[in-house]
Amino acid sequence: MITYIKESYLELKNHVTLPPRAESTNLMVVVAVFSILFALATWGVDSLFGKLIQFYFKKLIG
């Protein structure tokens, strides 16, 4: 386990490069926008299914 951690650290230190700050910021905005859109889509589908289930059981019972 210790060897794995040491090798991982060396890999990060010697072989990983970060993109420029401007590119990181743009990518962060893209991820945030898509996350919000996906959350809104999930909420919308959940609300729709909830209303459909309520409608179904109201018709079934009453």
PDB file of N, CA and C in Angstrom:
ATOM      1  N   MET A   1       0.831  -1.193   0.000  1.00  0.00           N
ATOM      2  CA  MET A   1       0.000   0.000   0.000  1.00  0.00           C
ATOM      3  C   MET A   1       0.880   1.263   0.000  1.00  0.00           C
ATOM      4  N   ILE A   2       1.922   1.252   0.786  1.00  0.00           N
ATOM      5  CA  ILE A   2       2.825   2.400   0.855  1.00  0.00           C
ATOM      6  C   ILE A   2       3.484   2.629  -0.508  1.00  0.00           C
ATOM      7  N   THR A   3       3.885   1.555  -1.159  1.00  0.00           N
ATOM      8  CA  THR A   3       4.510   1.669  -2.482  1.00  0.00           C
ATOM      9  C   THR A   3       3.539   2.293  -3.473  1.00  0.00           C
ATOM     10  N   TYR A   4       2.290   1.865  -3.418  1.00  0.00           N
ATOM     11  CA  TYR A   4       1.269   2.418  -4.310  1.00  0.00           C
ATOM     12  C   TYR A   4       1.115   3.923  -4.094  1.00  0.00           C
ATOM     13  N   ILE A   5       1.073   4.337  -2.850  1.00  0.00           N
ATOM     14  CA  ILE A   5       0.916   5.767  -2.538  1.00  0.00           C
ATOM     15  C   ILE A   5       2.131   6.555  -3.030  1.00  0.00           C
ATOM     16  N   LYS A   6       3.328   6.019  -2.810  1.00  0.00           N
ATOM     17  CA  LYS A   6       4.542   6.706  -3.274  1.00  0.00           C
ATOM     18  C   LYS A   6       4.558   6.820  -4.800  1.00  0.00           C
ATOM     19  N   GLU A   7       4.216   5.733  -5.483  1.00  0.00           N
ATOM     20  CA  GLU A   7       4.207   5.760  -6.945  1.00  0.00           C
ATOM     21  C   GLU A   7       3.138   6.708  -7.479  1.00  0.00           C
ATOM     22  N   SER A   8       1.990   6.744  -6.825  1.00  0.00           N
ATOM     23  CA  SER A   8       0.929   7.661  -7.240  1.00  0.00           C
ATOM     24  C   SER A   8       1.378   9.107  -7.079  1.00  0.00           C
ATOM     25  N   TYR A   9       2.024   9.395  -5.970  1.00  0.00           N
ATOM     26  CA  TYR A   9       2.525  10.747  -5.734  1.00  0.00           C
ATOM     27  C   TYR A   9       3.550  11.140  -6.795  1.00  0.00           C
ATOM     28  N   LEU A  10       4.484  10.242  -7.085  1.00  0.00           N
ATOM     29  CA  LEU A  10       5.493  10.532  -8.096  1.00  0.00           C
ATOM     30  C   LEU A  10       4.859  10.720  -9.478  1.00  0.00           C
ATOM     31  N   GLU A  11       3.860   9.928  -9.793  1.00  0.00           N
ATOM     32  CA  GLU A  11       3.153  10.067 -11.076  1.00  0.00           C
ATOM     33  C   GLU A  11       2.505  11.446 -11.170  1.00  0.00           C
ATOM     34  N   LEU A  12       1.821  11.853 -10.110  1.00  0.00           N
ATOM     35  CA  LEU A  12       1.192  13.175 -10.107  1.00  0.00           C
ATOM     36  C   LEU A  12       2.234  14.290 -10.202  1.00  0.00           C
ATOM     37  N   LYS A  13       3.321  14.133  -9.490  1.00  0.00           N
ATOM     38  CA  LYS A  13       4.357  15.165  -9.449  1.00  0.00           C
ATOM     39  C   LYS A  13       5.081  15.307 -10.785  1.00  0.00           C
ATOM     40  N   ASN A  14       5.357  14.198 -11.458  1.00  0.00           N
ATOM     41  CA  ASN A  14       6.219  14.243 -12.639  1.00  0.00           C
ATOM     42  C   ASN A  14       5.493  14.185 -13.980  1.00  0.00           C
ATOM     43  N   HIS A  15       4.276  13.673 -14.022  1.00  0.00           N
ATOM     44  CA  HIS A  15       3.649  13.425 -15.319  1.00  0.00           C
ATOM     45  C   HIS A  15       2.308  14.136 -15.531  1.00  0.00           C
ATOM     46  N   VAL A  16       1.778  14.760 -14.512  1.00  0.00           N
ATOM     47  CA  VAL A  16       0.476  15.413 -14.643  1.00  0.00           C
ATOM     48  C   VAL A  16       0.689  16.914 -14.786  1.00  0.00           C
ATOM     49  N   THR A  17       0.055  17.487 -15.814  1.00  0.00           N
ATOM     50  CA  THR A  17       0.117  18.941 -15.981  1.00  0.00           C
ATOM     51  C   THR A  17      -1.300  19.500 -15.932  1.00  0.00           C
ATOM     52  N   LEU A  18      -1.429  20.628 -15.314  1.00  0.00           N
ATOM     53  CA  LEU A  18      -2.734  21.267 -15.214  1.00  0.00           C
ATOM     54  C   LEU A  18      -2.939  22.194 -16.407  1.00  0.00           C
ATOM     55  N   PRO A  19      -4.178  22.305 -16.873  1.00  0.00           N
ATOM     56  CA  PRO A  19      -4.437  23.253 -17.965  1.00  0.00           C
ATOM     57  C   PRO A  19      -4.303  24.691 -17.454  1.00  0.00           C
ATOM     58  N   PRO A  20      -4.177  25.634 -18.368  1.00  0.00           N
ATOM     59  CA  PRO A  20      -4.104  27.042 -17.942  1.00  0.00           C
ATOM     60  C   PRO A  20      -5.366  27.450 -17.163  1.00  0.00           C
ATOM     61  N   ARG A  21      -5.216  28.469 -16.353  1.00  0.00           N
ATOM     62  CA  ARG A  21      -6.311  28.911 -15.485  1.00  0.00           C
ATOM     63  C   ARG A  21      -7.566  29.277 -16.290  1.00  0.00           C
ATOM     64  N   ALA A  22      -7.399  29.957 -17.428  1.00  0.00           N
ATOM     65  CA  ALA A  22      -8.548  30.369 -18.236  1.00  0.00           C
ATOM     66  C   ALA A  22      -9.315  29.141 -18.748  1.00  0.00           C
ATOM     67  N   GLU A  23      -8.589  28.134 -19.190  1.00  0.00           N
ATOM     68  CA  GLU A  23      -9.246  26.920 -19.678  1.00  0.00           C
ATOM     69  C   GLU A  23      -9.961  26.193 -18.535  1.00  0.00           C
ATOM     70  N   SER A  24      -9.334  26.146 -17.376  1.00  0.00           N
ATOM     71  CA  SER A  24      -9.960  25.510 -16.203  1.00  0.00           C
ATOM     72  C   SER A  24     -11.253  26.229 -15.828  1.00  0.00           C
ATOM     73  N   THR A  25     -11.220  27.552 -15.870  1.00  0.00           N
ATOM     74  CA  THR A  25     -12.409  28.334 -15.537  1.00  0.00           C
ATOM     75  C   THR A  25     -13.523  28.066 -16.544  1.00  0.00           C
ATOM     76  N   ASN A  26     -13.189  28.040 -17.834  1.00  0.00           N
ATOM     77  CA  ASN A  26     -14.204  27.761 -18.849  1.00  0.00           C
ATOM     78  C   ASN A  26     -14.809  26.373 -18.667  1.00  0.00           C
ATOM     79  N   LEU A  27     -13.969  25.397 -18.399  1.00  0.00           N
ATOM     80  CA  LEU A  27     -14.471  24.035 -18.204  1.00  0.00           C
ATOM     81  C   LEU A  27     -15.346  23.945 -16.955  1.00  0.00           C
ATOM     82  N   MET A  28     -14.973  24.677 -15.909  1.00  0.00           N
ATOM     83  CA  MET A  28     -15.770  24.679 -14.690  1.00  0.00           C
ATOM     84  C   MET A  28     -17.161  25.252 -14.954  1.00  0.00           C
ATOM     85  N   VAL A  29     -17.230  26.316 -15.745  1.00  0.00           N
ATOM     86  CA  VAL A  29     -18.518  26.920 -16.082  1.00  0.00           C
ATOM     87  C   VAL A  29     -19.369  25.938 -16.892  1.00  0.00           C
ATOM     88  N   VAL A  30     -18.745  25.257 -17.850  1.00  0.00           N
ATOM     89  CA  VAL A  30     -19.474  24.279 -18.661  1.00  0.00           C
ATOM     90  C   VAL A  30     -20.033  23.161 -17.776  1.00  0.00           C
ATOM     91  N   VAL A  31     -19.220  22.649 -16.876  1.00  0.00           N
ATOM     92  CA  VAL A  31     -19.669  21.575 -15.974  1.00  0.00           C
ATOM     93  C   VAL A  31     -20.794  22.077 -15.075  1.00  0.00           C
ATOM     94  N   ALA A  32     -20.671  23.289 -14.551  1.00  0.00           N
ATOM     95  CA  ALA A  32     -21.709  23.840 -13.676  1.00  0.00           C
ATOM     96  C   ALA A  32     -23.026  24.005 -14.430  1.00  0.00           C
ATOM     97  N   VAL A  33     -22.972  24.518 -15.657  1.00  0.00           N
ATOM     98  CA  VAL A  33     -24.195  24.720 -16.443  1.00  0.00           C
ATOM     99  C   VAL A  33     -24.863  23.381 -16.742  1.00  0.00           C
ATOM    100  N   PHE A  34     -24.087  22.400 -17.200  1.00  0.00           N
ATOM    101  CA  PHE A  34     -24.673  21.098 -17.491  1.00  0.00           C
ATOM    102  C   PHE A  34     -25.197  20.418 -16.242  1.00  0.00           C
ATOM    103  N   SER A  35     -24.536  20.606 -15.109  1.00  0.00           N
ATOM    104  CA  SER A  35     -25.021  20.029 -13.856  1.00  0.00           C
ATOM    105  C   SER A  35     -26.367  20.631 -13.472  1.00  0.00           C
ATOM    106  N   ILE A  36     -26.494  21.934 -13.618  1.00  0.00           N
ATOM    107  CA  ILE A  36     -27.760  22.600 -13.292  1.00  0.00           C
ATOM    108  C   ILE A  36     -28.853  22.152 -14.256  1.00  0.00           C
ATOM    109  N   LEU A  37     -28.544  22.083 -15.546  1.00  0.00           N
ATOM    110  CA  LEU A  37     -29.543  21.631 -16.523  1.00  0.00           C
ATOM    111  C   LEU A  37     -29.981  20.193 -16.255  1.00  0.00           C
ATOM    112  N   PHE A  38     -29.024  19.328 -15.931  1.00  0.00           N
ATOM    113  CA  PHE A  38     -29.356  17.939 -15.642  1.00  0.00           C
ATOM    114  C   PHE A  38     -30.209  17.843 -14.381  1.00  0.00           C
ATOM    115  N   ALA A  39     -29.887  18.635 -13.361  1.00  0.00           N
ATOM    116  CA  ALA A  39     -30.679  18.642 -12.128  1.00  0.00           C
ATOM    117  C   ALA A  39     -32.105  19.123 -12.407  1.00  0.00           C
ATOM    118  N   LEU A  40     -32.251  20.158 -13.220  1.00  0.00           N
ATOM    119  CA  LEU A  40     -33.587  20.655 -13.559  1.00  0.00           C
ATOM    120  C   LEU A  40     -34.373  19.622 -14.366  1.00  0.00           C
ATOM    121  N   ALA A  41     -33.708  18.936 -15.301  1.00  0.00           N
ATOM    122  CA  ALA A  41     -34.377  17.901 -16.089  1.00  0.00           C
ATOM    123  C   ALA A  41     -34.820  16.757 -15.186  1.00  0.00           C
ATOM    124  N   THR A  42     -33.970  16.346 -14.263  1.00  0.00           N
ATOM    125  CA  THR A  42     -34.322  15.275 -13.329  1.00  0.00           C
ATOM    126  C   THR A  42     -35.489  15.689 -12.452  1.00  0.00           C
ATOM    127  N   TRP A  43     -35.468  16.911 -11.955  1.00  0.00           N
ATOM    128  CA  TRP A  43     -36.571  17.421 -11.137  1.00  0.00           C
ATOM    129  C   TRP A  43     -37.871  17.440 -11.945  1.00  0.00           C
ATOM    130  N   GLY A  44     -37.791  17.883 -13.199  1.00  0.00           N
ATOM    131  CA  GLY A  44     -38.984  17.936 -14.039  1.00  0.00           C
ATOM    132  C   GLY A  44     -39.575  16.562 -14.296  1.00  0.00           C
ATOM    133  N   VAL A  45     -38.745  15.594 -14.623  1.00  0.00           N
ATOM    134  CA  VAL A  45     -39.231  14.233 -14.865  1.00  0.00           C
ATOM    135  C   VAL A  45     -39.804  13.645 -13.585  1.00  0.00           C
ATOM    136  N   ASP A  46     -39.135  13.876 -12.463  1.00  0.00           N
ATOM    137  CA  ASP A  46     -39.629  13.376 -11.176  1.00  0.00           C
ATOM    138  C   ASP A  46     -40.988  13.994 -10.843  1.00  0.00           C
ATOM    139  N   SER A  47     -41.129  15.283 -11.056  1.00  0.00           N
ATOM    140  CA  SER A  47     -42.407  15.951 -10.790  1.00  0.00           C
ATOM    141  C   SER A  47     -43.506  15.408 -11.697  1.00  0.00           C
ATOM    142  N   LEU A  48     -43.187  15.218 -12.971  1.00  0.00           N
ATOM    143  CA  LEU A  48     -44.164  14.687 -13.912  1.00  0.00           C
ATOM    144  C   LEU A  48     -44.619  13.292 -13.509  1.00  0.00           C
ATOM    145  N   PHE A  49     -43.667  12.416 -13.195  1.00  0.00           N
ATOM    146  CA  PHE A  49     -44.038  11.068 -12.776  1.00  0.00           C
ATOM    147  C   PHE A  49     -44.832  11.084 -11.479  1.00  0.00           C
ATOM    148  N   GLY A  50     -44.472  11.967 -10.561  1.00  0.00           N
ATOM    149  CA  GLY A  50     -45.224  12.082  -9.309  1.00  0.00           C
ATOM    150  C   GLY A  50     -46.669  12.471  -9.566  1.00  0.00           C
ATOM    151  N   LYS A  51     -46.889  13.432 -10.462  1.00  0.00           N
ATOM    152  CA  LYS A  51     -48.257  13.846 -10.781  1.00  0.00           C
ATOM    153  C   LYS A  51     -49.023  12.749 -11.514  1.00  0.00           C
ATOM    154  N   LEU A  52     -48.342  12.037 -12.404  1.00  0.00           N
ATOM    155  CA  LEU A  52     -48.994  10.933 -13.105  1.00  0.00           C
ATOM    156  C   LEU A  52     -49.409   9.826 -12.145  1.00  0.00           C
ATOM    157  N   ILE A  53     -48.559   9.515 -11.196  1.00  0.00           N
ATOM    158  CA  ILE A  53     -48.892   8.480 -10.213  1.00  0.00           C
ATOM    159  C   ILE A  53     -50.043   8.935  -9.334  1.00  0.00           C
ATOM    160  N   GLN A  54     -50.039  10.202  -8.905  1.00  0.00           N
ATOM    161  CA  GLN A  54     -51.162  10.729  -8.119  1.00  0.00           C
ATOM    162  C   GLN A  54     -52.456  10.651  -8.920  1.00  0.00           C
ATOM    163  N   PHE A  55     -52.410  11.053 -10.167  1.00  0.00           N
ATOM    164  CA  PHE A  55     -53.593  11.005 -11.030  1.00  0.00           C
ATOM    165  C   PHE A  55     -54.098   9.572 -11.171  1.00  0.00           C
ATOM    166  N   TYR A  56     -53.193   8.630 -11.382  1.00  0.00           N
ATOM    167  CA  TYR A  56     -53.566   7.227 -11.547  1.00  0.00           C
ATOM    168  C   TYR A  56     -54.256   6.696 -10.301  1.00  0.00           C
ATOM    169  N   PHE A  57     -53.682   6.951  -9.126  1.00  0.00           N
ATOM    170  CA  PHE A  57     -54.272   6.416  -7.912  1.00  0.00           C
ATOM    171  C   PHE A  57     -55.561   7.128  -7.521  1.00  0.00           C
ATOM    172  N   LYS A  58     -55.708   8.404  -7.873  1.00  0.00           N
ATOM    173  CA  LYS A  58     -56.986   9.084  -7.616  1.00  0.00           C
ATOM    174  C   LYS A  58     -58.078   8.473  -8.481  1.00  0.00           C
ATOM    175  N   LYS A  59     -57.756   8.152  -9.729  1.00  0.00           N
ATOM    176  CA  LYS A  59     -58.739   7.507 -10.613  1.00  0.00           C
ATOM    177  C   LYS A  59     -59.027   6.092 -10.146  1.00  0.00           C
ATOM    178  N   LEU A  60     -58.023   5.383  -9.657  1.00  0.00           N
ATOM    179  CA  LEU A  60     -58.172   4.000  -9.229  1.00  0.00           C
ATOM    180  C   LEU A  60     -59.023   3.929  -7.965  1.00  0.00           C
ATOM    181  N   ILE A  61     -58.797   4.826  -7.025  1.00  0.00           N
ATOM    182  CA  ILE A  61     -59.500   4.778  -5.739  1.00  0.00           C
ATOM    183  C   ILE A  61     -60.863   5.474  -5.846  1.00  0.00           C
ATOM    184  N   GLY A  62     -60.898   6.638  -6.437  1.00  0.00           N
ATOM    185  CA  GLY A  62     -62.130   7.385  -6.394  1.00  0.00           C
ATOM    186  C   GLY A  62     -62.734   7.527  -7.709  1.00  0.00           C
TER     187      GLY A  62
END
